[in-house]
Every structure is written in C-alpha cells, then in structure tokens.
Amino acid sequence: MPSVSRRYPTGRSPYAWPSGAVDDELRAPVVLMVSGGADSTALLVMAATSALDIDDGRGTARIARERLHVLHINHGLRGLDADEDEEFVRGLAAEYGIPCTVERLDVAALAAKTSDNVENAGREARYAAAARLANELSEQFGTPRAAARICTAHTADDRAETFFMNAIRGSGAPGLSSIPRRRNRIVRPLLDKTHDELCEYLRMRGIVWREDDTNRDTRYLRAYVRHELMPVVERRNPRVVASIASTCDILSDEDAYLGALASRLLHDLIRRQDGGMIALDASRLAASEVALARRAVRSALLMVEADARLEARHINRVLGLVSAGAGSATLPIGVDVRVEHGLLFLRARSADRSRVAAWLEVPGTLELGEGGTLSARLIEVAHGADASLIAKDRALEWGQHSVLLDAEACGVDPTTGGRLWVDTPHPGDIVCPLGMHGQSKKLADLLNEAQLPAAERSRIPIVRADVRGPVVWVAGIRVDERAKCTPHTKYLLELTLSASE
C-alpha cells in the first residue's frame, strides 16, 4: 500500500462551504496534480488566484478555494531530490491555503512487478491515486463522484510531443489526437498554453519551481522528442506547436464521431458475451467499412481484456481471420481469436475456463470446462415407432444425463447434421420446461428450483439451437418443451452429458 499523508492549513475546515452554494458541480472537489515543476506549479497558482476552465460548461471561471486539493506523488526514484520536491509542493500548497495529500510509491517495484516501463507504471500510479483521492473527497463533500475534477498541468508542448511520440510508435486517430482536453473527470485547463508562457508567468510573479534532471534523459522517448526532435521541427516551423494543436483538435472531433458509429456497429455485431468471451457476427463485420471495423474490433478486444496494450498488428490479425472466414490465432495481449461458422470469438486467456462457450457439432463431442463431455448424434426412428414413447423410456433409464430430442425442432438437418451452441446461463434467459405445456419460466428460477449450489449454477451447460437461439436442453436439468419428441418425429437427436472420470 502507498504511504499517504495529508496536511491542511491551520485553523480552517476544508469542508466548510460558503452559504448559498447548492450546485453539486460548484461544490465538488477539484484535485490538482502537482509535481513541483513549472507547469504544475503554475496550475496550482492559477487555480488559487485566477480563473481556469475546468470544463464545467461555464467556460473560464474562478474556482472556490474550498474545492481545491493538491495531490503530489513521490515516486521514490530520485532520492533526496524527490523528497525536496515533496517539501516544495507541501510548502506551496500551504502558502495558498490549499490542503495537500502526498502519496509515496515505489514505482520501480511496480514496474518490475507488472513488467512495465517506469514511465507507464508511474503514470498509471498517479492517475489511480488521483481517482482514489477524488472519490474519497467526493464522499466527504457529499457530492457525486462524477462531479469531481482531476486537473493535470499538460500544456500545448506536451500535446505536440505526445503527437510525435504516438506517430513514432505507430498509431491511428485516437493516438494522433494526442492529449484530450477532457476525459471523464480528468481535465487539462492549461492545454492552450506553452511551457515557456507558464515559465514567464511564474517569473513575473517571482515564483520558483523545481527542475527534474531526468526530463533531459533522452533514453526516454518523451525526452528524445522534446530535446532532439522538437527543436529541429521548430526551426522549420516556429509555430509547429500551435499547428499540431489545431490538427489534434480536428482529429479528436473526427475520432469522437467515428467512435460513436463504431460503438453502434459493435452493439449490432454482438451475438453473445459471457465470462471473458465475446462472439461477433463475422460476416457483418467483414462487410463493414474498414475504419469502423478496426474500431469495433479494438473495443471488443478491450471488453475481454481491459488492460491489453493494443497495436495495429493485433487488430489487423483479427481482421485477417475475419476476411478469410475461418481460422484461429493467439494474440500476445492474452486473447485467443477464432473464426468459425460465421462468428468471431474473442476469449481472454485469463477467462474462467470452466465456463464453456462453443459449438457442438452434430454428430460430435464437445469437451467441457471441467473435464466432462457433451456428445450428440442422430438416430432415425424406425418405421411405425413412436418417438415420444422412445424418448420417455430414455428419460426413465438415463435420467437427465442423456436425452432424446426432435432433431428438426432443434434446427438440425437430419440428413447433413448441423451444430448446436453450448454456453452457460445468461441473465434474462427464458425456457419452456418440458411438462409445463408451453408455459415459460426464467432459467434462473428453474436452476433455483433444482436446488443446485449457487457456485454450480453459473457453470451448467445450456444447449441452444443457435448462438442467440432458443434453449433446447438445460443439461442435466430439463428438456425444453419446444424440442420434445412427438409421434411425428422422424429423427432423434441424442444428447449425452458425461462427467469427468
């Protein structure tokens, strides 16, 4: 756990609101992320003494002092210098009467634990700490979490540098949009100002700041772009920072529009989603505009593996399989990909493997998650025999572990075979249990009545006519009325559930 300390100005309650302030957005906490460098020092001073746009829909405005709270992260990377940065920020916050929270983190250890680089680990840790503090303060202030703001000191220079960094790495419109002005609660009120402008602002007021010597280490990509690439580009175009800012705004707007279209496309493509697995309509995806298809696949991959660091080659690999209409691959981000029978399956390797989601070929056998199997075969009814009586006899002899169903009622072609979809219970599933004369029942209620332990209910194999088709058998529990055999049944579909040995 990180070490956390807080310091409030003496003699003042940090939660005493001015009379008449009733709007949550005007009372919610504003967390200032302050490292002690020039940009974040300017952010603190401006927030305390002048107007800022924190994107509350009111444009530039003064922020009530009672809302402000400084957050400083001591990464534990620079020894005495880091401790002096901490004391500088504490002192600056106290000078302006703003509460200050300091978290001490071992970022190097975090990076080693997650196999990440120090820069990424530090960034993730900072934002996680800011989110925790914003949530805690929102609770204390009695305001909604969404109304809180987390302010960072990113500048126009940072935005230009990030643009080039993402271009060097290889990125689409989201990366080339660079740093957004706002993402949920995180806002960047200094994004239109340059670093030099902020330094001049501080000099004019006689305010000092801290310098981090590691910012000049060009082994880091940002430092390389800042000290090696930007000077060359600026010699060609002295206004390159402003030019890139304009480009980023355009790309950001277009990215938002395409993102909304892709979101609607993904919603229409989803056929099944469960336990770290998602199934998409591969045929419709293949027919979609490639710009939207890329985004839809990207979002789907993040749905099954939220922490994945996606690259263009991962998206292209998936789309290649979709274009081919069949095949499988394992992506290095921890996702297994498979295209078959017109569906694209994405499954996180960390997903619960005891939860099945796969096709059962008829005839064929499907391995279940915990070692059991589910098998299917077709049996022609002898001339003059009553299939309904045969099915009843099978039920008496085999219980619910082997059942006989009407093959055609299950959507299986008696001459060529077919396939059934097998997965686990989903919220909202409806069945028509055999013996209830066509009356429907929630699958959840049926499983409750079966008196199964709660942990087992979520793993019961559910056999369906298709991915989003009707249930034909709640394996080991009950046949669906719509799949039962009748005296007119010509072909039997035998399904057998076998436990692991």
Protein backbone atom coordinates (compact mmCIF):
# COMPACT_ATOMS: atom_id res chain seq x y z
CA MET A 1 0.00 0.00 0.00
CA PRO A 2 1.25 3.51 -0.76
CA SER A 3 2.23 5.78 2.09
CA VAL A 4 -0.22 8.69 2.30
CA SER A 5 -0.02 11.88 4.32
CA ARG A 6 -2.24 14.96 4.33
CA ARG A 7 -1.72 18.46 5.55
CA TYR A 8 -4.43 21.11 5.91
CA PRO A 9 -3.92 24.83 6.53
CA THR A 10 -4.21 25.57 10.23
CA GLY A 11 -7.47 26.98 11.58
CA ARG A 12 -9.75 26.21 8.65
CA SER A 13 -12.14 23.36 7.98
CA PRO A 14 -11.53 22.04 4.49
CA TYR A 15 -15.18 21.12 4.15
CA ALA A 16 -16.85 24.38 5.21
CA TRP A 17 -18.88 25.55 2.22
CA PRO A 18 -19.87 29.17 1.52
CA SER A 19 -23.54 29.88 2.16
CA GLY A 20 -25.83 29.56 -0.82
CA ALA A 21 -23.64 27.10 -2.76
CA VAL A 22 -26.02 24.27 -3.58
CA ASP A 23 -24.99 23.18 -7.06
CA ASP A 24 -23.01 19.90 -6.88
CA GLU A 25 -20.77 20.99 -9.74
CA LEU A 26 -19.84 24.15 -7.87
CA ARG A 27 -19.17 22.27 -4.62
CA ALA A 28 -17.41 19.15 -5.88
CA PRO A 29 -13.70 18.69 -5.16
CA VAL A 30 -11.01 19.73 -7.65
CA VAL A 31 -7.81 17.68 -7.31
CA LEU A 32 -4.69 19.45 -8.61
CA MET A 33 -1.91 17.05 -9.63
CA VAL A 34 1.28 18.94 -8.72
CA SER A 35 4.79 17.57 -9.22
CA GLY A 36 6.61 20.81 -8.43
CA GLY A 37 7.76 21.52 -11.98
CA ALA A 38 6.99 24.81 -13.71
CA ASP A 39 3.78 23.66 -15.39
CA SER A 40 2.13 22.13 -12.33
CA THR A 41 3.33 24.99 -10.10
CA ALA A 42 1.61 27.39 -12.49
CA LEU A 43 -1.52 25.22 -12.35
CA LEU A 44 -1.63 25.50 -8.55
CA VAL A 45 -1.06 29.26 -8.56
CA MET A 46 -3.63 29.91 -11.29
CA ALA A 47 -6.25 27.69 -9.63
CA ALA A 48 -5.77 29.59 -6.37
CA THR A 49 -5.61 33.13 -7.74
CA SER A 50 -7.27 33.39 -11.17
CA ALA A 51 -9.85 31.85 -13.49
CA LEU A 52 -9.49 28.44 -15.15
CA ASP A 53 -11.67 26.40 -17.48
CA ILE A 54 -12.23 23.05 -15.82
CA ASP A 55 -14.92 22.17 -18.36
CA ASP A 56 -17.94 22.52 -16.14
CA GLY A 57 -19.82 24.03 -19.05
CA ARG A 58 -19.34 27.56 -17.77
CA GLY A 59 -16.07 28.40 -19.52
CA THR A 60 -13.26 30.15 -17.63
CA ALA A 61 -14.24 30.90 -14.03
CA ARG A 62 -12.79 31.25 -10.55
CA ILE A 63 -12.74 28.05 -8.52
CA ALA A 64 -13.89 28.27 -4.91
CA ARG A 65 -10.83 27.79 -2.69
CA GLU A 66 -12.73 25.26 -0.59
CA ARG A 67 -12.93 22.92 -3.56
CA LEU A 68 -9.18 22.73 -4.19
CA HIS A 69 -6.95 19.90 -3.01
CA VAL A 70 -3.33 19.28 -4.08
CA LEU A 71 -2.04 15.78 -4.79
CA HIS A 72 1.70 15.10 -5.02
CA ILE A 73 3.20 11.70 -5.82
CA ASN A 74 6.69 10.90 -4.57
CA HIS A 75 7.78 8.14 -6.94
CA GLY A 76 10.80 7.17 -4.87
CA LEU A 77 13.08 7.37 -7.92
CA ARG A 78 15.26 10.41 -7.27
CA GLY A 79 16.27 10.09 -3.62
CA LEU A 80 16.86 13.43 -1.87
CA ASP A 81 15.64 15.41 -4.90
CA ALA A 82 12.28 13.66 -4.72
CA ASP A 83 11.98 14.45 -1.01
CA GLU A 84 12.78 18.09 -1.70
CA ASP A 85 10.12 18.16 -4.45
CA GLU A 86 7.65 16.87 -1.88
CA GLU A 87 8.52 19.54 0.66
CA PHE A 88 8.36 22.23 -2.02
CA VAL A 89 4.82 21.21 -3.01
CA ARG A 90 3.71 20.99 0.62
CA GLY A 91 5.03 24.47 1.26
CA LEU A 92 3.49 25.94 -1.89
CA ALA A 93 0.08 24.43 -1.09
CA ALA A 94 0.23 25.77 2.47
CA GLU A 95 1.19 29.22 1.17
CA TYR A 96 -2.02 29.36 -0.83
CA GLY A 97 -4.14 27.74 1.86
CA ILE A 98 -4.86 24.53 -0.04
CA PRO A 99 -4.94 21.06 1.57
CA CYS A 100 -2.20 18.78 0.32
CA THR A 101 -2.07 14.99 0.06
CA VAL A 102 1.21 13.19 -0.61
CA GLU A 103 1.48 9.56 -1.67
CA ARG A 104 4.81 7.76 -1.61
CA LEU A 105 5.12 4.94 -4.12
CA ASP A 106 7.89 2.57 -5.14
CA VAL A 107 7.32 2.99 -8.87
CA ALA A 108 10.39 0.94 -9.81
CA ALA A 109 8.97 -2.02 -7.89
CA LEU A 110 5.56 -1.52 -9.51
CA ALA A 111 7.17 -1.51 -12.95
CA ALA A 112 9.11 -4.70 -12.21
CA LYS A 113 6.01 -6.42 -10.87
CA THR A 114 3.92 -5.61 -13.95
CA SER A 115 6.75 -5.99 -16.49
CA ASP A 116 6.08 -2.38 -17.46
CA ASN A 117 8.44 0.50 -18.01
CA VAL A 118 8.88 3.07 -15.27
CA GLU A 119 7.18 5.85 -17.21
CA ASN A 120 3.97 3.88 -17.77
CA ALA A 121 3.95 2.48 -14.24
CA GLY A 122 4.36 5.98 -12.80
CA ARG A 123 1.58 7.40 -14.94
CA GLU A 124 -0.83 4.59 -14.02
CA ALA A 125 0.01 5.01 -10.34
CA ARG A 126 -0.55 8.78 -10.46
CA TYR A 127 -3.95 8.56 -12.06
CA ALA A 128 -5.02 5.74 -9.76
CA ALA A 129 -4.03 7.83 -6.73
CA ALA A 130 -5.90 10.86 -8.12
CA ALA A 131 -9.03 8.76 -8.67
CA ARG A 132 -8.90 7.40 -5.13
CA LEU A 133 -8.48 10.86 -3.65
CA ALA A 134 -11.28 12.33 -5.81
CA ASN A 135 -13.62 9.54 -4.71
CA GLU A 136 -12.73 9.99 -1.05
CA LEU A 137 -13.20 13.75 -1.18
CA SER A 138 -16.49 13.40 -3.06
CA GLU A 139 -17.80 11.22 -0.26
CA GLN A 140 -16.66 13.72 2.37
CA PHE A 141 -18.09 16.66 0.45
CA GLY A 142 -21.36 14.84 -0.15
CA THR A 143 -21.17 15.33 -3.92
CA PRO A 144 -21.39 12.78 -6.79
CA ARG A 145 -18.10 11.26 -7.85
CA ALA A 146 -18.75 12.28 -11.45
CA ALA A 147 -18.87 15.95 -10.43
CA ALA A 148 -15.27 15.90 -9.15
CA ARG A 149 -12.45 17.18 -11.34
CA ILE A 150 -8.84 16.00 -11.57
CA CYS A 151 -6.67 18.71 -13.11
CA THR A 152 -3.36 17.97 -14.76
CA ALA A 153 -0.81 20.53 -15.98
CA HIS A 154 -0.41 19.26 -19.53
CA THR A 155 0.49 22.04 -21.97
CA ALA A 156 0.43 22.60 -25.71
CA ASP A 157 4.06 21.39 -25.76
CA ASP A 158 3.07 18.14 -24.08
CA ARG A 159 0.34 17.68 -26.66
CA ALA A 160 2.73 18.19 -29.57
CA GLU A 161 5.30 15.84 -28.03
CA THR A 162 2.66 13.15 -27.47
CA PHE A 163 1.53 13.54 -31.09
CA PHE A 164 5.06 12.80 -32.31
CA MET A 165 5.58 10.01 -29.77
CA ASN A 166 2.45 8.22 -30.95
CA ALA A 167 3.38 8.79 -34.59
CA ILE A 168 6.81 7.24 -33.94
CA ARG A 169 5.26 4.23 -32.22
CA GLY A 170 2.58 3.88 -34.88
CA SER A 171 -0.93 4.99 -34.04
CA GLY A 172 -4.36 5.68 -35.50
CA ALA A 173 -6.59 8.69 -34.97
CA PRO A 174 -7.07 8.10 -31.21
CA GLY A 175 -3.31 8.28 -30.59
CA LEU A 176 -2.73 11.13 -33.02
CA SER A 177 -5.50 13.09 -31.30
CA SER A 178 -2.89 13.20 -28.56
CA ILE A 179 -3.89 14.51 -25.14
CA PRO A 180 -7.63 15.26 -24.91
CA ARG A 181 -8.87 18.38 -23.18
CA ARG A 182 -11.07 16.24 -21.02
CA ARG A 183 -11.55 12.54 -20.36
CA ASN A 184 -14.35 11.89 -17.88
CA ARG A 185 -13.25 13.65 -14.67
CA ILE A 186 -9.73 14.44 -15.88
CA VAL A 187 -9.38 17.95 -17.31
CA ARG A 188 -6.41 19.87 -18.68
CA PRO A 189 -7.02 23.60 -18.32
CA LEU A 190 -3.50 24.60 -19.49
CA LEU A 191 -3.60 22.76 -22.80
CA ASP A 192 -3.67 26.00 -24.81
CA LYS A 193 -0.59 27.42 -23.06
CA THR A 194 3.03 26.64 -23.80
CA HIS A 195 5.69 25.72 -21.28
CA ASP A 196 7.56 28.95 -21.98
CA GLU A 197 4.42 31.01 -21.34
CA LEU A 198 3.92 29.32 -17.97
CA CYS A 199 7.58 29.84 -17.01
CA GLU A 200 7.23 33.55 -17.85
CA TYR A 201 4.01 33.69 -15.83
CA LEU A 202 5.88 32.40 -12.77
CA ARG A 203 8.91 34.65 -13.30
CA MET A 204 6.69 37.73 -13.47
CA ARG A 205 5.35 36.80 -10.03
CA GLY A 206 8.68 35.86 -8.52
CA ILE A 207 7.66 32.23 -8.05
CA VAL A 208 10.29 29.50 -8.27
CA TRP A 209 9.77 25.89 -9.29
CA ARG A 210 11.61 22.58 -9.22
CA GLU A 211 13.55 21.08 -12.13
CA ASP A 212 13.68 17.32 -12.73
CA ASP A 213 17.01 16.40 -14.34
CA THR A 214 15.60 13.07 -15.56
CA ASN A 215 13.46 15.04 -18.02
CA ARG A 216 16.66 15.54 -20.05
CA ASP A 217 17.50 11.84 -20.29
CA THR A 218 16.92 11.16 -23.99
CA ARG A 219 16.80 7.43 -23.40
CA TYR A 220 13.14 8.13 -22.63
CA LEU A 221 11.05 8.73 -25.75
CA ARG A 222 9.41 11.92 -24.48
CA ALA A 223 12.77 13.47 -23.59
CA TYR A 224 14.11 12.46 -27.01
CA VAL A 225 11.17 14.11 -28.77
CA ARG A 226 11.40 17.21 -26.54
CA HIS A 227 15.15 17.82 -26.81
CA GLU A 228 16.11 16.22 -30.12
CA LEU A 229 13.10 16.27 -32.43
CA MET A 230 11.11 19.37 -31.47
CA PRO A 231 14.00 21.85 -31.89
CA VAL A 232 14.55 20.59 -35.45
CA VAL A 233 10.85 20.84 -36.33
CA GLU A 234 10.53 24.29 -34.75
CA ARG A 235 13.39 25.60 -36.87
CA ARG A 236 11.32 24.63 -39.90
CA ASN A 237 8.05 25.98 -38.44
CA PRO A 238 8.28 28.15 -35.31
CA ARG A 239 4.51 27.77 -34.84
CA VAL A 240 4.53 23.99 -35.06
CA VAL A 241 3.08 23.57 -31.54
CA ALA A 242 0.03 25.66 -32.44
CA SER A 243 -0.29 23.85 -35.79
CA ILE A 244 -0.24 20.44 -34.12
CA ALA A 245 -2.77 21.60 -31.52
CA SER A 246 -5.16 22.52 -34.33
CA THR A 247 -4.58 19.16 -36.00
CA CYS A 248 -5.19 17.33 -32.72
CA ASP A 249 -8.50 19.16 -32.21
CA ILE A 250 -9.67 18.15 -35.69
CA LEU A 251 -8.58 14.54 -35.21
CA SER A 252 -10.19 14.44 -31.79
CA ASP A 253 -13.57 15.60 -33.14
CA GLU A 254 -13.44 13.13 -36.01
CA ASP A 255 -12.30 10.37 -33.69
CA ALA A 256 -15.27 11.01 -31.40
CA TYR A 257 -17.68 10.83 -34.36
CA LEU A 258 -16.19 7.61 -35.74
CA GLY A 259 -16.08 6.18 -32.23
CA ALA A 260 -19.83 6.72 -31.82
CA LEU A 261 -20.51 4.98 -35.16
CA ALA A 262 -18.22 2.09 -34.23
CA SER A 263 -19.92 1.71 -30.87
CA ARG A 264 -23.30 1.32 -32.55
CA LEU A 265 -21.78 -1.17 -35.01
CA LEU A 266 -20.29 -3.24 -32.20
CA HIS A 267 -23.63 -3.30 -30.39
CA ASP A 268 -25.25 -4.72 -33.52
CA LEU A 269 -22.46 -7.27 -34.06
CA ILE A 270 -22.51 -8.85 -30.59
CA ARG A 271 -24.14 -12.25 -30.58
CA ARG A 272 -23.03 -13.49 -27.18
CA GLN A 273 -20.93 -12.18 -24.32
CA ASP A 274 -20.01 -14.10 -21.23
CA GLY A 275 -17.16 -14.55 -18.76
CA GLY A 276 -14.26 -13.10 -20.73
CA MET A 277 -15.67 -14.22 -24.10
CA ILE A 278 -17.44 -12.28 -26.81
CA ALA A 279 -18.91 -13.58 -30.06
CA LEU A 280 -19.42 -11.22 -33.01
CA ASP A 281 -21.15 -11.64 -36.35
CA ALA A 282 -18.08 -12.15 -38.53
CA SER A 283 -19.96 -11.83 -41.82
CA ARG A 284 -21.38 -8.41 -40.95
CA LEU A 285 -18.03 -7.32 -39.59
CA ALA A 286 -16.33 -8.31 -42.84
CA ALA A 287 -18.88 -6.27 -44.79
CA SER A 288 -18.42 -3.16 -42.63
CA GLU A 289 -16.32 -0.13 -43.53
CA VAL A 290 -12.77 -0.94 -42.50
CA ALA A 291 -12.42 2.28 -40.46
CA LEU A 292 -15.37 1.22 -38.31
CA ALA A 293 -14.40 -2.48 -38.30
CA ARG A 294 -10.99 -1.64 -36.81
CA ARG A 295 -12.57 0.36 -34.03
CA ALA A 296 -15.20 -2.26 -33.33
CA VAL A 297 -12.55 -4.99 -33.03
CA ARG A 298 -10.44 -2.76 -30.81
CA SER A 299 -13.36 -2.14 -28.46
CA ALA A 300 -14.28 -5.83 -28.43
CA LEU A 301 -10.71 -6.84 -27.53
CA LEU A 302 -10.74 -4.36 -24.65
CA MET A 303 -14.06 -5.79 -23.48
CA VAL A 304 -12.46 -9.20 -22.95
CA GLU A 305 -9.02 -7.94 -21.84
CA ALA A 306 -9.37 -4.45 -20.41
CA ASP A 307 -5.65 -3.95 -19.73
CA ALA A 308 -4.48 -5.02 -23.18
CA ARG A 309 -1.98 -2.76 -24.91
CA LEU A 310 -3.31 -2.92 -28.40
CA GLU A 311 -1.26 -2.34 -31.51
CA ALA A 312 -2.33 -2.07 -35.14
CA ARG A 313 -0.90 -5.54 -35.88
CA HIS A 314 -3.27 -7.11 -33.32
CA ILE A 315 -6.31 -5.53 -34.95
CA ASN A 316 -5.08 -6.47 -38.42
CA ARG A 317 -4.54 -10.09 -37.35
CA VAL A 318 -8.13 -10.36 -36.21
CA LEU A 319 -9.50 -8.70 -39.33
CA GLY A 320 -7.36 -11.03 -41.46
CA LEU A 321 -9.08 -14.04 -39.92
CA VAL A 322 -12.47 -12.40 -40.40
CA SER A 323 -11.67 -11.76 -44.07
CA ALA A 324 -10.57 -15.39 -44.53
CA GLY A 325 -13.81 -16.59 -42.95
CA ALA A 326 -12.07 -19.19 -40.75
CA GLY A 327 -9.00 -19.76 -38.63
CA SER A 328 -7.61 -19.09 -35.20
CA ALA A 329 -4.78 -17.18 -33.56
CA THR A 330 -3.39 -16.36 -30.15
CA LEU A 331 -2.58 -12.68 -29.70
CA PRO A 332 0.33 -11.65 -27.44
CA ILE A 333 -2.07 -9.43 -25.48
CA GLY A 334 -3.61 -12.52 -23.88
CA VAL A 335 -6.58 -13.12 -26.19
CA ASP A 336 -7.45 -16.21 -28.21
CA VAL A 337 -9.20 -15.50 -31.52
CA ARG A 338 -11.27 -17.94 -33.56
CA VAL A 339 -13.50 -17.53 -36.62
CA GLU A 340 -15.91 -20.32 -37.47
CA HIS A 341 -19.47 -20.73 -38.70
CA GLY A 342 -19.81 -17.02 -39.41
CA LEU A 343 -18.84 -15.91 -35.91
CA LEU A 344 -15.75 -14.24 -34.49
CA PHE A 345 -14.89 -15.44 -31.00
CA LEU A 346 -12.58 -13.46 -28.74
CA ARG A 347 -11.65 -15.03 -25.42
CA ALA A 348 -9.25 -13.79 -22.76
CA ARG A 349 -6.80 -16.48 -21.72
CA SER A 350 -7.41 -15.39 -18.14
CA ALA A 351 -11.14 -16.18 -18.51
CA ASP A 352 -12.79 -18.83 -16.39
CA ARG A 353 -12.14 -21.98 -18.45
CA SER A 354 -14.84 -23.90 -16.60
CA ARG A 355 -17.41 -21.76 -18.43
CA VAL A 356 -17.98 -23.26 -21.86
CA ALA A 357 -18.93 -21.24 -24.93
CA ALA A 358 -18.51 -23.25 -28.13
CA TRP A 359 -20.22 -25.11 -30.95
CA LEU A 360 -21.26 -28.73 -30.56
CA GLU A 361 -21.15 -30.42 -33.96
CA VAL A 362 -23.88 -32.94 -34.70
CA PRO A 363 -22.68 -35.62 -34.71
CA GLY A 364 -19.75 -34.80 -32.47
CA THR A 365 -18.36 -34.32 -28.97
CA LEU A 366 -17.53 -31.15 -27.06
CA GLU A 367 -15.03 -31.05 -24.20
CA LEU A 368 -16.48 -29.10 -21.28
CA GLY A 369 -14.50 -26.86 -18.98
CA GLU A 370 -14.10 -29.19 -16.02
CA GLY A 371 -13.21 -32.37 -17.86
CA GLY A 372 -16.71 -33.59 -18.78
CA THR A 373 -18.03 -34.01 -22.31
CA LEU A 374 -21.22 -33.34 -24.19
CA SER A 375 -21.89 -35.54 -27.20
CA ALA A 376 -24.52 -35.51 -29.93
CA ARG A 377 -25.68 -37.99 -32.56
CA LEU A 378 -28.67 -38.56 -34.85
CA ILE A 379 -30.90 -41.64 -34.77
CA GLU A 380 -33.53 -42.43 -37.37
CA VAL A 381 -36.86 -43.51 -35.90
CA ALA A 382 -37.86 -46.98 -37.06
CA HIS A 383 -40.94 -47.19 -39.27
CA GLY A 384 -44.08 -47.35 -37.15
CA ALA A 385 -42.29 -46.46 -33.89
CA ASP A 386 -43.50 -43.60 -31.67
CA ALA A 387 -40.57 -41.28 -30.97
CA SER A 388 -42.31 -39.69 -27.97
CA LEU A 389 -42.51 -43.07 -26.20
CA ILE A 390 -38.86 -43.83 -27.04
CA ALA A 391 -37.85 -40.50 -25.54
CA LYS A 392 -39.84 -41.14 -22.36
CA ASP A 393 -38.22 -44.56 -21.93
CA ARG A 394 -34.77 -42.99 -22.37
CA ALA A 395 -35.63 -40.39 -19.72
CA LEU A 396 -36.60 -43.08 -17.23
CA GLU A 397 -33.46 -45.09 -17.90
CA TRP A 398 -30.86 -42.33 -18.16
CA GLY A 399 -32.36 -39.61 -16.02
CA GLN A 400 -31.35 -36.18 -17.29
CA HIS A 401 -27.84 -37.16 -18.38
CA SER A 402 -28.93 -38.43 -21.78
CA VAL A 403 -31.97 -37.14 -23.63
CA LEU A 404 -33.67 -37.64 -26.98
CA LEU A 405 -34.99 -34.58 -28.77
CA ASP A 406 -36.65 -33.84 -32.10
CA ALA A 407 -33.71 -33.08 -34.41
CA GLU A 408 -35.66 -30.80 -36.74
CA ALA A 409 -37.18 -28.88 -33.83
CA CYS A 410 -33.61 -28.20 -32.67
CA GLY A 411 -32.64 -26.81 -36.07
CA VAL A 412 -30.51 -29.83 -37.02
CA ASP A 413 -30.78 -31.17 -40.56
CA PRO A 414 -31.47 -34.92 -40.27
CA THR A 415 -29.51 -35.75 -43.43
CA THR A 416 -26.47 -33.49 -43.20
CA GLY A 417 -26.25 -32.87 -39.46
CA GLY A 418 -25.59 -29.45 -38.04
CA ARG A 419 -24.43 -27.77 -34.88
CA LEU A 420 -25.73 -26.51 -31.56
CA TRP A 421 -24.42 -23.69 -29.43
CA VAL A 422 -23.39 -24.57 -25.87
CA ASP A 423 -22.68 -21.97 -23.23
CA THR A 424 -23.73 -21.08 -19.70
CA PRO A 425 -26.77 -19.27 -18.23
CA HIS A 426 -27.28 -15.63 -19.13
CA PRO A 427 -29.39 -13.03 -17.34
CA GLY A 428 -32.84 -12.90 -18.94
CA ASP A 429 -32.74 -16.45 -20.38
CA ILE A 430 -36.23 -17.93 -20.78
CA VAL A 431 -37.09 -21.62 -21.09
CA CYS A 432 -40.28 -23.61 -21.60
CA PRO A 433 -39.65 -26.60 -19.31
CA LEU A 434 -40.96 -29.95 -20.51
CA GLY A 435 -44.17 -30.80 -18.68
CA MET A 436 -45.38 -27.22 -18.27
CA HIS A 437 -47.36 -27.37 -21.53
CA GLY A 438 -45.55 -24.50 -23.20
CA GLN A 439 -45.52 -22.11 -20.24
CA SER A 440 -42.32 -20.10 -19.98
CA LYS A 441 -40.07 -19.73 -16.96
CA LYS A 442 -36.94 -17.79 -16.19
CA LEU A 443 -33.91 -20.04 -16.45
CA ALA A 444 -32.65 -18.58 -13.16
CA ASP A 445 -35.85 -19.74 -11.43
CA LEU A 446 -35.52 -23.23 -12.91
CA LEU A 447 -31.97 -23.52 -11.60
CA ASN A 448 -33.05 -22.28 -8.17
CA GLU A 449 -35.76 -24.94 -8.04
CA ALA A 450 -33.17 -27.58 -8.91
CA GLN A 451 -31.51 -26.70 -5.56
CA LEU A 452 -28.05 -26.54 -7.06
CA PRO A 453 -25.29 -24.78 -5.09
CA ALA A 454 -25.01 -21.18 -6.29
CA ALA A 455 -21.42 -21.73 -7.47
CA GLU A 456 -22.54 -24.55 -9.80
CA ARG A 457 -25.48 -22.77 -11.42
CA SER A 458 -23.29 -20.45 -13.45
CA ARG A 459 -21.49 -23.46 -14.99
CA ILE A 460 -24.45 -25.56 -16.09
CA PRO A 461 -24.14 -26.25 -19.85
CA ILE A 462 -27.03 -24.68 -21.75
CA VAL A 463 -27.64 -26.18 -25.20
CA ARG A 464 -29.19 -23.76 -27.69
CA ALA A 465 -30.35 -24.07 -31.29
CA ASP A 466 -28.02 -21.20 -32.21
CA VAL A 467 -25.87 -18.54 -30.56
CA ARG A 468 -28.93 -16.45 -29.84
CA GLY A 469 -31.42 -19.23 -30.47
CA PRO A 470 -33.86 -20.89 -28.05
CA VAL A 471 -32.73 -23.24 -25.31
CA VAL A 472 -33.27 -26.91 -26.19
CA TRP A 473 -31.75 -28.53 -23.10
CA VAL A 474 -30.61 -27.33 -19.71
CA ALA A 475 -28.03 -30.10 -19.46
CA GLY A 476 -28.69 -32.45 -16.60
CA ILE A 477 -31.78 -30.48 -15.52
CA ARG A 478 -34.66 -30.23 -18.02
CA VAL A 479 -35.54 -30.52 -21.71
CA ASP A 480 -37.30 -27.58 -23.35
CA GLU A 481 -40.90 -28.27 -24.42
CA ARG A 482 -40.20 -26.87 -27.90
CA ALA A 483 -37.58 -29.55 -28.56
CA LYS A 484 -39.53 -32.57 -27.31
CA CYS A 485 -40.21 -35.61 -29.43
CA THR A 486 -43.68 -36.19 -30.80
CA PRO A 487 -45.32 -39.16 -32.57
CA HIS A 488 -44.40 -37.39 -35.82
CA THR A 489 -40.65 -37.10 -35.08
CA LYS A 490 -38.59 -38.82 -37.78
CA TYR A 491 -35.09 -38.26 -36.47
CA LEU A 492 -33.95 -38.28 -32.86
CA LEU A 493 -31.20 -36.01 -31.60
CA GLU A 494 -29.41 -37.79 -28.76
CA LEU A 495 -27.51 -35.53 -26.35
CA THR A 496 -25.38 -37.12 -23.63
CA LEU A 497 -23.70 -35.37 -20.74
CA SER A 498 -20.74 -37.30 -19.32
CA ALA A 499 -18.90 -36.33 -16.16
CA SER A 500 -15.11 -36.40 -15.95
CA GLU A 501 -13.61 -39.57 -14.62
